[in-house]
Amino acid sequence: MRAGVIVAGGRSTRFGDRDKAVADLAGTPLVRRVADRFGGVVDELVVNCRPDQRAAIEAALAGVDPAPRFAEDPEPDRGPMAGLMAGLRAVDSEYAAAVACDMPFVTPGFLDYLFERAAGHDAAVPKPDEWFEPMQAVYRAGPTAAACAAALERGDRRVIAPLEDLDYVVVGPGEVAEHATAETFENLNTRAEFEAAAERLRGE
């Protein structure tokens, strides 16, 4: 069993007054594009969001396979790592691929590879350059949720903070290039980025 976790609870402050998770991207809600990329890779799908987002996201994901379950933030606005923790606590599988809701070009084959690399460890985290990409990584759900809780307890909200307590594998630039392009990590934050991505998708 493999799980997918979509972290969608952010406030989208750079996007304006709308929730970008359900914003239209070339005819499809952004979160739906991410969910569709999980199809065939995972056996269960969990979406983390704020309670006020749930109805709109649920509507955007109608008919998605596997049908999503929801892990609402018990305390909104604690950052993506808290959202990751909530999502991981809700999965039934030992391992889960976590992806931010604003990464519509995530590569399914790359997620497959991350599951393979994580086996026997607590996580497989890409590092395509000098920065980790913890919001497109595979985690062992139980230990990582506990590590997130410990980080929050000590007041550390950095999304990489849980790694300090985990046995994780670094997936370096060479491995990333074998299984994906830089596009897999592209995240959309502004309306201009949305428009540019929509143009590419319309051209496919």
N, C-alpha and C. Protein backbone atom coordinates (compact mmCIF):
# COMPACT_ATOMS: atom_id res chain seq x y z
N MET A 1 0.84 -1.21 0.00
CA MET A 1 0.00 0.00 0.00
C MET A 1 0.88 1.26 0.00
N ARG A 2 0.52 2.17 -0.86
CA ARG A 2 1.19 3.46 -0.93
C ARG A 2 0.13 4.56 -0.81
N ALA A 3 0.49 5.63 -0.14
CA ALA A 3 -0.43 6.76 0.02
C ALA A 3 0.13 8.00 -0.66
N GLY A 4 -0.77 8.88 -1.03
CA GLY A 4 -0.41 10.21 -1.48
C GLY A 4 -1.01 11.23 -0.54
N VAL A 5 -0.26 12.25 -0.22
CA VAL A 5 -0.75 13.34 0.63
C VAL A 5 -0.58 14.64 -0.14
N ILE A 6 -1.67 15.36 -0.34
CA ILE A 6 -1.61 16.69 -0.95
C ILE A 6 -1.77 17.72 0.17
N VAL A 7 -0.79 18.60 0.29
CA VAL A 7 -0.83 19.64 1.33
C VAL A 7 -1.38 20.92 0.70
N ALA A 8 -2.58 21.31 1.13
CA ALA A 8 -3.29 22.40 0.46
C ALA A 8 -3.79 23.49 1.43
N GLY A 9 -3.27 23.51 2.64
CA GLY A 9 -3.83 24.40 3.65
C GLY A 9 -3.28 25.80 3.70
N GLY A 10 -2.37 26.15 2.78
CA GLY A 10 -1.77 27.49 2.82
C GLY A 10 -2.76 28.59 2.46
N ARG A 11 -2.39 29.81 2.77
CA ARG A 11 -3.28 30.96 2.56
C ARG A 11 -3.15 31.60 1.19
N SER A 12 -2.19 31.18 0.37
CA SER A 12 -2.05 31.71 -1.00
C SER A 12 -1.92 33.23 -1.02
N THR A 13 -1.14 33.79 -0.11
CA THR A 13 -1.08 35.24 0.04
C THR A 13 -0.58 35.95 -1.21
N ARG A 14 0.27 35.30 -1.98
CA ARG A 14 0.80 35.94 -3.18
C ARG A 14 -0.13 35.80 -4.38
N PHE A 15 -1.20 35.04 -4.21
CA PHE A 15 -2.10 34.78 -5.32
C PHE A 15 -3.26 35.76 -5.37
N GLY A 16 -3.52 36.44 -4.28
CA GLY A 16 -4.64 37.37 -4.25
C GLY A 16 -5.72 36.89 -3.31
N ASP A 17 -6.97 37.25 -3.62
CA ASP A 17 -8.05 36.97 -2.67
C ASP A 17 -8.74 35.64 -2.90
N ARG A 18 -8.25 34.83 -3.84
CA ARG A 18 -8.85 33.52 -4.08
C ARG A 18 -7.92 32.42 -3.58
N ASP A 19 -8.52 31.26 -3.28
CA ASP A 19 -7.73 30.10 -2.86
C ASP A 19 -7.13 29.46 -4.11
N LYS A 20 -5.80 29.50 -4.22
CA LYS A 20 -5.20 28.98 -5.46
C LYS A 20 -5.39 27.48 -5.61
N ALA A 21 -5.62 26.76 -4.51
CA ALA A 21 -5.79 25.30 -4.60
C ALA A 21 -6.90 24.94 -5.58
N VAL A 22 -7.95 25.75 -5.64
CA VAL A 22 -9.08 25.44 -6.52
C VAL A 22 -9.15 26.39 -7.71
N ALA A 23 -8.12 27.20 -7.90
CA ALA A 23 -8.09 28.12 -9.04
C ALA A 23 -7.99 27.34 -10.34
N ASP A 24 -8.61 27.86 -11.38
CA ASP A 24 -8.63 27.22 -12.68
C ASP A 24 -7.27 27.31 -13.36
N LEU A 25 -6.73 26.17 -13.76
CA LEU A 25 -5.47 26.13 -14.49
C LEU A 25 -5.72 25.42 -15.81
N ALA A 26 -5.89 26.21 -16.88
CA ALA A 26 -6.18 25.66 -18.21
C ALA A 26 -7.36 24.70 -18.17
N GLY A 27 -8.42 25.11 -17.47
CA GLY A 27 -9.67 24.35 -17.46
C GLY A 27 -9.82 23.33 -16.36
N THR A 28 -8.82 23.18 -15.50
CA THR A 28 -8.86 22.19 -14.42
C THR A 28 -8.37 22.83 -13.12
N PRO A 29 -9.06 22.61 -11.99
CA PRO A 29 -8.57 23.18 -10.73
C PRO A 29 -7.15 22.69 -10.42
N LEU A 30 -6.35 23.58 -9.88
CA LEU A 30 -4.95 23.26 -9.60
C LEU A 30 -4.81 21.98 -8.78
N VAL A 31 -5.56 21.86 -7.69
CA VAL A 31 -5.43 20.68 -6.83
C VAL A 31 -5.82 19.41 -7.57
N ARG A 32 -6.74 19.53 -8.53
CA ARG A 32 -7.16 18.36 -9.33
C ARG A 32 -6.01 17.90 -10.22
N ARG A 33 -5.26 18.84 -10.77
CA ARG A 33 -4.11 18.47 -11.60
C ARG A 33 -3.09 17.67 -10.78
N VAL A 34 -2.87 18.08 -9.54
CA VAL A 34 -1.92 17.35 -8.68
C VAL A 34 -2.49 15.97 -8.35
N ALA A 35 -3.76 15.91 -7.98
CA ALA A 35 -4.39 14.62 -7.64
C ALA A 35 -4.34 13.66 -8.82
N ASP A 36 -4.59 14.17 -10.03
CA ASP A 36 -4.56 13.30 -11.21
C ASP A 36 -3.17 12.70 -11.43
N ARG A 37 -2.13 13.41 -11.03
CA ARG A 37 -0.76 12.90 -11.20
C ARG A 37 -0.48 11.71 -10.27
N PHE A 38 -1.25 11.60 -9.21
CA PHE A 38 -1.08 10.48 -8.27
C PHE A 38 -1.72 9.20 -8.80
N GLY A 39 -2.64 9.33 -9.76
CA GLY A 39 -3.37 8.17 -10.27
C GLY A 39 -2.41 7.09 -10.76
N GLY A 40 -2.61 5.85 -10.32
CA GLY A 40 -1.75 4.75 -10.72
C GLY A 40 -0.49 4.60 -9.88
N VAL A 41 -0.18 5.62 -9.07
CA VAL A 41 1.03 5.58 -8.24
C VAL A 41 0.70 5.19 -6.81
N VAL A 42 -0.47 5.61 -6.31
CA VAL A 42 -0.82 5.37 -4.92
C VAL A 42 -2.15 4.63 -4.80
N ASP A 43 -2.35 4.00 -3.64
CA ASP A 43 -3.58 3.25 -3.37
C ASP A 43 -4.58 4.07 -2.57
N GLU A 44 -4.12 5.10 -1.91
CA GLU A 44 -5.01 5.97 -1.14
C GLU A 44 -4.51 7.40 -1.27
N LEU A 45 -5.45 8.35 -1.15
CA LEU A 45 -5.12 9.76 -1.29
C LEU A 45 -5.74 10.53 -0.15
N VAL A 46 -4.91 11.35 0.50
CA VAL A 46 -5.36 12.20 1.62
C VAL A 46 -5.04 13.64 1.27
N VAL A 47 -6.00 14.51 1.48
CA VAL A 47 -5.81 15.94 1.23
C VAL A 47 -5.85 16.68 2.55
N ASN A 48 -4.79 17.41 2.83
CA ASN A 48 -4.76 18.27 4.02
C ASN A 48 -5.23 19.67 3.62
N CYS A 49 -6.13 20.24 4.41
CA CYS A 49 -6.62 21.59 4.12
C CYS A 49 -7.21 22.20 5.39
N ARG A 50 -7.54 23.47 5.30
CA ARG A 50 -8.26 24.13 6.39
C ARG A 50 -9.74 23.74 6.31
N PRO A 51 -10.46 23.77 7.42
CA PRO A 51 -11.89 23.42 7.36
C PRO A 51 -12.68 24.26 6.36
N ASP A 52 -12.33 25.54 6.24
CA ASP A 52 -13.09 26.42 5.34
C ASP A 52 -12.81 26.14 3.86
N GLN A 53 -11.78 25.37 3.56
CA GLN A 53 -11.46 25.02 2.18
C GLN A 53 -12.13 23.73 1.72
N ARG A 54 -12.54 22.92 2.66
CA ARG A 54 -12.86 21.53 2.33
C ARG A 54 -13.94 21.38 1.27
N ALA A 55 -15.03 22.11 1.38
CA ALA A 55 -16.14 21.94 0.44
C ALA A 55 -15.70 22.22 -0.99
N ALA A 56 -14.94 23.29 -1.20
CA ALA A 56 -14.51 23.66 -2.55
C ALA A 56 -13.52 22.64 -3.10
N ILE A 57 -12.61 22.16 -2.26
CA ILE A 57 -11.63 21.17 -2.72
C ILE A 57 -12.32 19.84 -3.00
N GLU A 58 -13.27 19.48 -2.14
CA GLU A 58 -14.01 18.23 -2.35
C GLU A 58 -14.72 18.27 -3.71
N ALA A 59 -15.32 19.41 -4.04
CA ALA A 59 -16.01 19.55 -5.33
C ALA A 59 -15.01 19.46 -6.48
N ALA A 60 -13.85 20.08 -6.32
CA ALA A 60 -12.83 20.07 -7.37
C ALA A 60 -12.29 18.67 -7.62
N LEU A 61 -12.35 17.80 -6.61
CA LEU A 61 -11.78 16.46 -6.72
C LEU A 61 -12.84 15.38 -6.97
N ALA A 62 -14.04 15.78 -7.28
CA ALA A 62 -15.11 14.80 -7.53
C ALA A 62 -14.70 13.85 -8.64
N GLY A 63 -14.79 12.55 -8.37
CA GLY A 63 -14.48 11.54 -9.37
C GLY A 63 -13.02 11.13 -9.45
N VAL A 64 -12.17 11.75 -8.64
CA VAL A 64 -10.74 11.37 -8.64
C VAL A 64 -10.59 9.95 -8.10
N ASP A 65 -9.68 9.19 -8.70
CA ASP A 65 -9.38 7.83 -8.26
C ASP A 65 -7.90 7.73 -7.90
N PRO A 66 -7.56 7.33 -6.66
CA PRO A 66 -8.47 6.92 -5.59
C PRO A 66 -9.22 8.11 -4.98
N ALA A 67 -10.43 7.83 -4.51
CA ALA A 67 -11.25 8.89 -3.91
C ALA A 67 -10.53 9.45 -2.68
N PRO A 68 -10.40 10.76 -2.57
CA PRO A 68 -9.63 11.33 -1.47
C PRO A 68 -10.36 11.32 -0.13
N ARG A 69 -9.58 11.22 0.93
CA ARG A 69 -10.06 11.50 2.28
C ARG A 69 -9.45 12.83 2.69
N PHE A 70 -10.00 13.43 3.73
CA PHE A 70 -9.54 14.75 4.13
C PHE A 70 -8.97 14.74 5.54
N ALA A 71 -7.88 15.47 5.71
CA ALA A 71 -7.25 15.66 7.02
C ALA A 71 -7.21 17.16 7.27
N GLU A 72 -8.19 17.65 7.97
CA GLU A 72 -8.27 19.09 8.21
C GLU A 72 -7.26 19.52 9.27
N ASP A 73 -6.73 20.73 9.08
CA ASP A 73 -5.80 21.27 10.07
C ASP A 73 -6.53 21.53 11.37
N PRO A 74 -6.08 20.91 12.48
CA PRO A 74 -6.73 21.20 13.77
C PRO A 74 -6.48 22.64 14.21
N GLU A 75 -5.30 23.16 13.84
CA GLU A 75 -4.96 24.56 14.11
C GLU A 75 -4.45 25.15 12.80
N PRO A 76 -5.27 25.90 12.08
CA PRO A 76 -4.83 26.46 10.80
C PRO A 76 -3.65 27.42 10.95
N ASP A 77 -2.96 27.63 9.85
CA ASP A 77 -1.89 28.63 9.75
C ASP A 77 -0.65 28.32 10.57
N ARG A 78 -0.35 27.03 10.71
CA ARG A 78 0.90 26.66 11.40
C ARG A 78 1.99 26.28 10.39
N GLY A 79 1.69 26.46 9.11
CA GLY A 79 2.70 26.21 8.09
C GLY A 79 2.57 24.85 7.44
N PRO A 80 3.32 24.64 6.34
CA PRO A 80 3.20 23.39 5.57
C PRO A 80 3.64 22.15 6.34
N MET A 81 4.58 22.30 7.26
CA MET A 81 5.02 21.12 8.01
C MET A 81 3.89 20.59 8.90
N ALA A 82 3.11 21.50 9.48
CA ALA A 82 1.96 21.07 10.28
C ALA A 82 0.92 20.40 9.39
N GLY A 83 0.78 20.90 8.16
CA GLY A 83 -0.13 20.26 7.22
C GLY A 83 0.34 18.88 6.83
N LEU A 84 1.64 18.75 6.63
CA LEU A 84 2.23 17.44 6.34
C LEU A 84 1.94 16.47 7.48
N MET A 85 2.12 16.92 8.71
CA MET A 85 1.86 16.07 9.88
C MET A 85 0.41 15.60 9.89
N ALA A 86 -0.53 16.51 9.67
CA ALA A 86 -1.95 16.14 9.68
C ALA A 86 -2.25 15.11 8.59
N GLY A 87 -1.68 15.33 7.40
CA GLY A 87 -1.91 14.39 6.31
C GLY A 87 -1.34 13.02 6.59
N LEU A 88 -0.12 12.98 7.12
CA LEU A 88 0.52 11.69 7.39
C LEU A 88 -0.20 10.93 8.50
N ARG A 89 -0.76 11.64 9.46
CA ARG A 89 -1.50 10.98 10.54
C ARG A 89 -2.77 10.32 10.03
N ALA A 90 -3.25 10.74 8.86
CA ALA A 90 -4.53 10.23 8.34
C ALA A 90 -4.37 9.05 7.39
N VAL A 91 -3.14 8.73 6.98
CA VAL A 91 -2.98 7.65 6.00
C VAL A 91 -2.96 6.29 6.68
N ASP A 92 -3.32 5.27 5.91
CA ASP A 92 -3.27 3.89 6.40
C ASP A 92 -1.99 3.17 5.96
N SER A 93 -1.34 3.67 4.93
CA SER A 93 -0.15 3.04 4.38
C SER A 93 1.09 3.36 5.22
N GLU A 94 2.12 2.52 5.08
CA GLU A 94 3.36 2.79 5.80
C GLU A 94 4.08 3.99 5.21
N TYR A 95 4.09 4.09 3.88
CA TYR A 95 4.79 5.19 3.20
C TYR A 95 3.80 6.07 2.44
N ALA A 96 4.13 7.35 2.39
CA ALA A 96 3.28 8.31 1.67
C ALA A 96 4.14 9.31 0.91
N ALA A 97 3.73 9.60 -0.31
CA ALA A 97 4.35 10.68 -1.09
C ALA A 97 3.60 11.96 -0.77
N ALA A 98 4.32 12.97 -0.32
CA ALA A 98 3.72 14.26 0.00
C ALA A 98 4.07 15.25 -1.10
N VAL A 99 3.05 15.95 -1.59
CA VAL A 99 3.24 16.94 -2.65
C VAL A 99 2.40 18.17 -2.31
N ALA A 100 2.98 19.35 -2.48
CA ALA A 100 2.23 20.58 -2.29
C ALA A 100 1.19 20.73 -3.39
N CYS A 101 0.08 21.37 -3.07
CA CYS A 101 -1.03 21.48 -4.02
C CYS A 101 -0.72 22.39 -5.19
N ASP A 102 0.40 23.13 -5.13
CA ASP A 102 0.71 24.08 -6.21
C ASP A 102 1.81 23.56 -7.13
N MET A 103 1.99 22.23 -7.19
CA MET A 103 3.00 21.61 -8.06
C MET A 103 2.30 20.76 -9.13
N PRO A 104 1.71 21.41 -10.15
CA PRO A 104 0.88 20.66 -11.11
C PRO A 104 1.65 19.79 -12.09
N PHE A 105 2.98 19.95 -12.14
CA PHE A 105 3.77 19.18 -13.10
C PHE A 105 4.53 18.04 -12.45
N VAL A 106 4.15 17.68 -11.21
CA VAL A 106 4.83 16.59 -10.52
C VAL A 106 4.82 15.34 -11.41
N THR A 107 5.97 14.67 -11.49
CA THR A 107 6.16 13.55 -12.40
C THR A 107 5.81 12.22 -11.71
N PRO A 108 4.79 11.51 -12.18
CA PRO A 108 4.40 10.24 -11.53
C PRO A 108 5.55 9.25 -11.44
N GLY A 109 6.34 9.11 -12.49
CA GLY A 109 7.46 8.17 -12.46
C GLY A 109 8.50 8.53 -11.41
N PHE A 110 8.66 9.80 -11.16
CA PHE A 110 9.59 10.25 -10.12
C PHE A 110 9.06 9.88 -8.74
N LEU A 111 7.76 10.02 -8.54
CA LEU A 111 7.18 9.60 -7.26
C LEU A 111 7.40 8.10 -7.04
N ASP A 112 7.22 7.33 -8.11
CA ASP A 112 7.48 5.89 -8.04
C ASP A 112 8.91 5.63 -7.56
N TYR A 113 9.85 6.36 -8.15
CA TYR A 113 11.26 6.18 -7.80
C TYR A 113 11.51 6.57 -6.34
N LEU A 114 10.86 7.63 -5.88
CA LEU A 114 11.04 8.05 -4.49
C LEU A 114 10.53 6.98 -3.52
N PHE A 115 9.43 6.32 -3.88
CA PHE A 115 8.96 5.21 -3.04
C PHE A 115 10.02 4.12 -2.96
N GLU A 116 10.62 3.79 -4.09
CA GLU A 116 11.67 2.76 -4.11
C GLU A 116 12.85 3.16 -3.23
N ARG A 117 13.28 4.41 -3.33
CA ARG A 117 14.44 4.88 -2.57
C ARG A 117 14.16 4.97 -1.08
N ALA A 118 12.90 5.22 -0.72
CA ALA A 118 12.55 5.36 0.69
C ALA A 118 12.49 4.02 1.41
N ALA A 119 12.33 2.94 0.68
CA ALA A 119 12.17 1.61 1.31
C ALA A 119 13.30 1.33 2.29
N GLY A 120 12.91 0.96 3.51
CA GLY A 120 13.90 0.66 4.54
C GLY A 120 14.39 1.88 5.28
N HIS A 121 13.93 3.07 4.90
CA HIS A 121 14.32 4.32 5.56
C HIS A 121 13.06 5.08 5.96
N ASP A 122 13.27 6.20 6.64
CA ASP A 122 12.13 7.02 7.05
C ASP A 122 11.69 7.99 5.96
N ALA A 123 12.56 8.28 5.01
CA ALA A 123 12.19 9.24 3.97
C ALA A 123 13.17 9.18 2.81
N ALA A 124 12.70 9.62 1.65
CA ALA A 124 13.55 9.89 0.48
C ALA A 124 13.22 11.31 0.05
N VAL A 125 14.19 12.20 0.16
CA VAL A 125 13.95 13.63 -0.07
C VAL A 125 14.84 14.13 -1.20
N PRO A 126 14.25 14.68 -2.26
CA PRO A 126 15.06 15.20 -3.36
C PRO A 126 15.89 16.42 -2.94
N LYS A 127 17.07 16.50 -3.52
CA LYS A 127 17.91 17.68 -3.37
C LYS A 127 18.53 17.97 -4.74
N PRO A 128 17.72 18.59 -5.64
CA PRO A 128 18.17 18.79 -7.02
C PRO A 128 19.26 19.85 -7.17
N ASP A 129 19.41 20.70 -6.16
CA ASP A 129 20.46 21.72 -6.15
C ASP A 129 20.87 21.92 -4.70
N GLU A 130 21.10 23.15 -4.29
CA GLU A 130 21.54 23.34 -2.89
C GLU A 130 20.40 23.23 -1.89
N TRP A 131 19.16 23.17 -2.39
CA TRP A 131 18.00 23.14 -1.50
C TRP A 131 17.31 21.78 -1.56
N PHE A 132 16.81 21.34 -0.40
CA PHE A 132 15.93 20.17 -0.36
C PHE A 132 14.56 20.54 -0.93
N GLU A 133 13.83 19.53 -1.39
CA GLU A 133 12.44 19.70 -1.84
C GLU A 133 11.54 18.81 -0.98
N PRO A 134 11.34 19.19 0.30
CA PRO A 134 10.58 18.33 1.21
C PRO A 134 9.09 18.25 0.92
N MET A 135 8.58 19.14 0.05
CA MET A 135 7.17 19.07 -0.30
C MET A 135 6.92 18.30 -1.60
N GLN A 136 7.92 17.54 -2.02
CA GLN A 136 7.75 16.51 -3.06
C GLN A 136 8.71 15.39 -2.69
N ALA A 137 8.29 14.61 -1.70
CA ALA A 137 9.15 13.60 -1.11
C ALA A 137 8.29 12.45 -0.61
N VAL A 138 8.95 11.33 -0.30
CA VAL A 138 8.24 10.18 0.26
C VAL A 138 8.69 9.96 1.69
N TYR A 139 7.70 9.75 2.57
CA TYR A 139 7.97 9.62 4.00
C TYR A 139 7.34 8.36 4.57
N ARG A 140 8.00 7.79 5.56
CA ARG A 140 7.36 6.75 6.39
C ARG A 140 6.43 7.51 7.34
N ALA A 141 5.15 7.23 7.25
CA ALA A 141 4.15 8.11 7.86
C ALA A 141 4.30 8.27 9.38
N GLY A 142 4.40 7.15 10.09
CA GLY A 142 4.43 7.23 11.55
C GLY A 142 5.61 8.02 12.10
N PRO A 143 6.84 7.62 11.77
CA PRO A 143 8.01 8.35 12.29
C PRO A 143 8.04 9.81 11.85
N THR A 144 7.60 10.10 10.63
CA THR A 144 7.66 11.48 10.16
C THR A 144 6.63 12.34 10.86
N ALA A 145 5.42 11.82 11.06
CA ALA A 145 4.42 12.58 11.81
C ALA A 145 4.92 12.89 13.21
N ALA A 146 5.58 11.91 13.84
CA ALA A 146 6.14 12.12 15.18
C ALA A 146 7.25 13.17 15.16
N ALA A 147 8.07 13.14 14.12
CA ALA A 147 9.16 14.12 13.99
C ALA A 147 8.59 15.52 13.76
N CYS A 148 7.51 15.62 13.00
CA CYS A 148 6.84 16.92 12.80
C CYS A 148 6.31 17.46 14.13
N ALA A 149 5.67 16.58 14.89
CA ALA A 149 5.13 16.99 16.19
C ALA A 149 6.24 17.48 17.12
N ALA A 150 7.38 16.78 17.10
CA ALA A 150 8.51 17.17 17.95
C ALA A 150 9.05 18.53 17.53
N ALA A 151 9.13 18.77 16.21
CA ALA A 151 9.63 20.05 15.72
C ALA A 151 8.69 21.19 16.13
N LEU A 152 7.39 20.96 15.99
CA LEU A 152 6.43 21.99 16.38
C LEU A 152 6.49 22.26 17.87
N GLU A 153 6.71 21.19 18.63
CA GLU A 153 6.79 21.33 20.09
C GLU A 153 7.97 22.22 20.49
N ARG A 154 9.06 22.14 19.74
CA ARG A 154 10.22 22.98 20.07
C ARG A 154 10.19 24.33 19.33
N GLY A 155 9.05 24.60 18.66
CA GLY A 155 8.87 25.90 18.03
C GLY A 155 9.53 26.06 16.69
N ASP A 156 9.88 24.95 16.04
CA ASP A 156 10.56 24.99 14.75
C ASP A 156 9.56 24.61 13.66
N ARG A 157 9.16 25.60 12.85
CA ARG A 157 8.16 25.34 11.80
C ARG A 157 8.79 25.10 10.43
N ARG A 158 10.09 25.08 10.33
CA ARG A 158 10.74 24.84 9.03
C ARG A 158 10.33 23.46 8.51
N VAL A 159 10.00 23.42 7.24
CA VAL A 159 9.49 22.16 6.68
C VAL A 159 10.58 21.09 6.63
N ILE A 160 11.85 21.49 6.70
CA ILE A 160 12.93 20.50 6.74
C ILE A 160 13.28 20.08 8.17
N ALA A 161 12.68 20.72 9.16
CA ALA A 161 13.03 20.43 10.56
C ALA A 161 12.85 18.95 10.94
N PRO A 162 11.79 18.27 10.48
CA PRO A 162 11.63 16.86 10.88
C PRO A 162 12.78 15.96 10.45
N LEU A 163 13.48 16.34 9.39
CA LEU A 163 14.57 15.50 8.89
C LEU A 163 15.65 15.29 9.94
N GLU A 164 15.77 16.22 10.87
CA GLU A 164 16.79 16.10 11.92
C GLU A 164 16.57 14.85 12.77
N ASP A 165 15.33 14.36 12.81
CA ASP A 165 15.01 13.20 13.64
C ASP A 165 14.75 11.93 12.82
N LEU A 166 15.04 11.98 11.52
CA LEU A 166 14.70 10.86 10.65
C LEU A 166 15.93 10.25 9.97
N ASP A 167 15.82 8.98 9.63
CA ASP A 167 16.81 8.30 8.80
C ASP A 167 16.35 8.50 7.35
N TYR A 168 16.93 9.47 6.66
CA TYR A 168 16.45 9.80 5.33
C TYR A 168 17.54 9.64 4.28
N VAL A 169 17.10 9.36 3.05
CA VAL A 169 17.96 9.23 1.89
C VAL A 169 17.87 10.52 1.08
N VAL A 170 19.01 11.06 0.68
CA VAL A 170 19.04 12.23 -0.19
C VAL A 170 19.03 11.76 -1.64
N VAL A 171 18.07 12.25 -2.40
CA VAL A 171 17.99 11.94 -3.83
C VAL A 171 18.60 13.13 -4.57
N GLY A 172 19.82 12.94 -5.03
CA GLY A 172 20.62 14.04 -5.56
C GLY A 172 20.31 14.42 -7.00
N PRO A 173 21.02 15.42 -7.53
CA PRO A 173 20.75 15.95 -8.87
C PRO A 173 20.78 14.90 -9.97
N GLY A 174 21.74 13.99 -9.92
CA GLY A 174 21.84 12.97 -10.96
C GLY A 174 20.63 12.06 -10.99
N GLU A 175 20.20 11.63 -9.82
CA GLU A 175 19.02 10.76 -9.74
C GLU A 175 17.76 11.50 -10.19
N VAL A 176 17.64 12.76 -9.77
CA VAL A 176 16.48 13.55 -10.18
C VAL A 176 16.43 13.63 -11.70
N ALA A 177 17.57 13.95 -12.31
CA ALA A 177 17.63 14.13 -13.77
C ALA A 177 17.29 12.84 -14.52
N GLU A 178 17.56 11.70 -13.90
CA GLU A 178 17.24 10.41 -14.55
C GLU A 178 15.74 10.16 -14.62
N HIS A 179 15.01 10.71 -13.66
CA HIS A 179 13.60 10.34 -13.51
C HIS A 179 12.63 11.50 -13.70
N ALA A 180 13.13 12.71 -13.82
CA ALA A 180 12.24 13.87 -13.95
C ALA A 180 13.02 15.04 -14.54
N THR A 181 12.31 16.11 -14.81
CA THR A 181 12.95 17.37 -15.18
C THR A 181 12.69 18.37 -14.05
N ALA A 182 13.31 19.52 -14.14
CA ALA A 182 13.11 20.55 -13.10
C ALA A 182 11.65 20.95 -13.00
N GLU A 183 10.88 20.71 -14.06
CA GLU A 183 9.46 21.06 -14.07
C GLU A 183 8.69 20.38 -12.94
N THR A 184 9.13 19.20 -12.53
CA THR A 184 8.40 18.47 -11.49
C THR A 184 8.29 19.27 -10.19
N PHE A 185 9.29 20.13 -9.92
CA PHE A 185 9.30 20.91 -8.68
C PHE A 185 8.69 22.30 -8.84
N GLU A 186 8.26 22.64 -10.04
CA GLU A 186 7.75 23.98 -10.28
C GLU A 186 6.48 24.22 -9.47
N ASN A 187 6.47 25.29 -8.70
CA ASN A 187 5.27 25.61 -7.95
C ASN A 187 4.74 26.97 -8.39
N LEU A 188 3.42 27.08 -8.37
CA LEU A 188 2.75 28.28 -8.87
C LEU A 188 2.25 29.12 -7.70
N ASN A 189 2.76 30.34 -7.60
CA ASN A 189 2.39 31.20 -6.48
C ASN A 189 1.64 32.46 -6.90
N THR A 190 1.90 32.95 -8.09
CA THR A 190 1.31 34.21 -8.53
C THR A 190 0.43 33.99 -9.75
N ARG A 191 -0.39 34.97 -10.05
CA ARG A 191 -1.26 34.86 -11.23
C ARG A 191 -0.43 34.81 -12.51
N ALA A 192 0.70 35.52 -12.53
CA ALA A 192 1.57 35.49 -13.71
C ALA A 192 2.11 34.08 -13.94
N GLU A 193 2.52 33.41 -12.85
CA GLU A 193 3.01 32.03 -12.98
C GLU A 193 1.89 31.09 -13.45
N PHE A 194 0.67 31.35 -12.98
CA PHE A 194 -0.48 30.56 -13.41
C PHE A 194 -0.68 30.70 -14.92
N GLU A 195 -0.65 31.96 -15.38
CA GLU A 195 -0.89 32.20 -16.80
C GLU A 195 0.17 31.53 -17.68
N ALA A 196 1.43 31.62 -17.25
CA ALA A 196 2.52 30.99 -18.01
C ALA A 196 2.34 29.48 -18.06
N ALA A 197 1.97 28.87 -16.91
CA ALA A 197 1.75 27.43 -16.87
C ALA A 197 0.54 27.03 -17.72
N ALA A 198 -0.50 27.84 -17.68
CA ALA A 198 -1.70 27.54 -18.46
C ALA A 198 -1.40 27.54 -19.95
N GLU A 199 -0.58 28.48 -20.38
CA GLU A 199 -0.21 28.54 -21.80
C GLU A 199 0.50 27.25 -22.23
N ARG A 200 1.41 26.76 -21.37
CA ARG A 200 2.13 25.52 -21.68
C ARG A 200 1.17 24.34 -21.75
N LEU A 201 0.24 24.28 -20.80
CA LEU A 201 -0.68 23.15 -20.76
C LEU A 201 -1.62 23.17 -21.96
N ARG A 202 -2.03 24.34 -22.38
CA ARG A 202 -2.91 24.44 -23.55
C ARG A 202 -2.18 23.99 -24.81
N GLY A 203 -0.86 24.14 -24.79
CA GLY A 203 -0.07 23.77 -25.98
C GLY A 203 0.27 22.31 -26.04
N GLU A 204 -0.01 21.56 -24.97
CA GLU A 204 0.36 20.13 -24.95
C GLU A 204 -0.59 19.31 -25.83
